[in-house]
């Protein structure tokens, strides 16, 4: 199974933030993933998963392959 692409997922989240929060693209891109999750109420009772260095490097590498 292929891995999901960053761009389509980001576009979907940007659209969700626009509809649910009234955010425009600059507000979406300025927010951290934790801020977006908190604004959407996804962190209630949960610790954020976080992003470690190895996952960040993997995501950056995957994005550069496009």
C-alpha atoms as a PDB file:
ATOM      1  CA  UNK A   1       0.000   0.000   0.000  1.00  0.00           C
ATOM      2  CA  UNK A   2       1.402   3.418  -0.892  1.00  0.00           C
ATOM      3  CA  UNK A   3       1.932   6.101   1.712  1.00  0.00           C
ATOM      4  CA  UNK A   4      -0.393   9.120   1.684  1.00  0.00           C
ATOM      5  CA  UNK A   5       0.978  12.257   0.047  1.00  0.00           C
ATOM      6  CA  UNK A   6       1.576  15.340   2.170  1.00  0.00           C
ATOM      7  CA  UNK A   7      -0.058  17.862  -0.193  1.00  0.00           C
ATOM      8  CA  UNK A   8      -3.517  16.225  -0.435  1.00  0.00           C
ATOM      9  CA  UNK A   9      -3.620  15.695   3.332  1.00  0.00           C
ATOM     10  CA  UNK A  10      -2.556  19.296   3.980  1.00  0.00           C
ATOM     11  CA  UNK A  11      -5.176  20.588   1.530  1.00  0.00           C
ATOM     12  CA  UNK A  12      -7.885  18.541   3.242  1.00  0.00           C
ATOM     13  CA  UNK A  13      -6.828  19.838   6.672  1.00  0.00           C
ATOM     14  CA  UNK A  14      -6.682  23.409   5.360  1.00  0.00           C
ATOM     15  CA  UNK A  15     -10.240  23.026   4.049  1.00  0.00           C
ATOM     16  CA  UNK A  16     -11.386  21.573   7.353  1.00  0.00           C
ATOM     17  CA  UNK A  17      -9.802  24.457   9.257  1.00  0.00           C
ATOM     18  CA  UNK A  18     -11.488  26.930   6.906  1.00  0.00           C
ATOM     19  CA  UNK A  19     -14.938  25.377   7.353  1.00  0.00           C
ATOM     20  CA  UNK A  20     -14.768  24.501  11.044  1.00  0.00           C
ATOM     21  CA  UNK A  21     -12.656  27.377  12.367  1.00  0.00           C
ATOM     22  CA  UNK A  22     -12.998  30.120   9.786  1.00  0.00           C
ATOM     23  CA  UNK A  23      -9.222  30.079   9.239  1.00  0.00           C
ATOM     24  CA  UNK A  24      -7.752  31.406   6.006  1.00  0.00           C
ATOM     25  CA  UNK A  25      -4.681  29.668   4.519  1.00  0.00           C
ATOM     26  CA  UNK A  26      -2.132  31.979   6.236  1.00  0.00           C
ATOM     27  CA  UNK A  27      -3.695  31.185   9.613  1.00  0.00           C
ATOM     28  CA  UNK A  28      -3.637  27.468   8.866  1.00  0.00           C
ATOM     29  CA  UNK A  29       0.017  27.470   7.779  1.00  0.00           C
ATOM     30  CA  UNK A  30       1.059  29.592  10.777  1.00  0.00           C
ATOM     31  CA  UNK A  31      -0.466  27.102  13.214  1.00  0.00           C
ATOM     32  CA  UNK A  32       1.415  24.142  14.624  1.00  0.00           C
ATOM     33  CA  UNK A  33      -0.132  20.666  14.330  1.00  0.00           C
ATOM     34  CA  UNK A  34      -0.816  20.759  18.084  1.00  0.00           C
ATOM     35  CA  UNK A  35      -2.582  24.126  17.766  1.00  0.00           C
ATOM     36  CA  UNK A  36      -4.727  22.821  14.916  1.00  0.00           C
ATOM     37  CA  UNK A  37      -5.621  19.679  16.867  1.00  0.00           C
ATOM     38  CA  UNK A  38      -6.452  21.737  19.964  1.00  0.00           C
ATOM     39  CA  UNK A  39      -8.572  24.187  17.955  1.00  0.00           C
ATOM     40  CA  UNK A  40     -10.491  21.265  16.449  1.00  0.00           C
ATOM     41  CA  UNK A  41     -10.968  19.713  19.891  1.00  0.00           C
ATOM     42  CA  UNK A  42      -8.923  16.640  19.050  1.00  0.00           C
ATOM     43  CA  UNK A  43      -6.706  16.798  22.136  1.00  0.00           C
ATOM     44  CA  UNK A  44      -9.406  16.535  24.781  1.00  0.00           C
ATOM     45  CA  UNK A  45      -8.099  13.983  27.268  1.00  0.00           C
ATOM     46  CA  UNK A  46      -5.151  12.975  25.084  1.00  0.00           C
ATOM     47  CA  UNK A  47      -1.474  13.780  25.107  1.00  0.00           C
ATOM     48  CA  UNK A  48      -0.240  15.076  21.759  1.00  0.00           C
ATOM     49  CA  UNK A  49       1.739  12.452  19.858  1.00  0.00           C
ATOM     50  CA  UNK A  50       4.497  14.895  19.030  1.00  0.00           C
ATOM     51  CA  UNK A  51       6.940  14.849  16.189  1.00  0.00           C
ATOM     52  CA  UNK A  52      10.407  13.508  16.803  1.00  0.00           C
ATOM     53  CA  UNK A  53      13.440  14.318  14.692  1.00  0.00           C
ATOM     54  CA  UNK A  54      13.446  11.010  12.802  1.00  0.00           C
ATOM     55  CA  UNK A  55       9.798  11.392  11.757  1.00  0.00           C
ATOM     56  CA  UNK A  56      10.419  14.990  10.676  1.00  0.00           C
ATOM     57  CA  UNK A  57      13.384  13.902   8.540  1.00  0.00           C
ATOM     58  CA  UNK A  58      11.309  11.090   7.012  1.00  0.00           C
ATOM     59  CA  UNK A  59       8.504  13.527   6.136  1.00  0.00           C
ATOM     60  CA  UNK A  60      10.959  16.012   4.652  1.00  0.00           C
ATOM     61  CA  UNK A  61      12.630  13.274   2.615  1.00  0.00           C
ATOM     62  CA  UNK A  62       9.260  12.003   1.381  1.00  0.00           C
ATOM     63  CA  UNK A  63       8.212  15.526   0.373  1.00  0.00           C
ATOM     64  CA  UNK A  64      11.479  16.058  -1.522  1.00  0.00           C
ATOM     65  CA  UNK A  65      10.874  12.903  -3.569  1.00  0.00           C
ATOM     66  CA  UNK A  66       7.776  14.439  -5.185  1.00  0.00           C
END
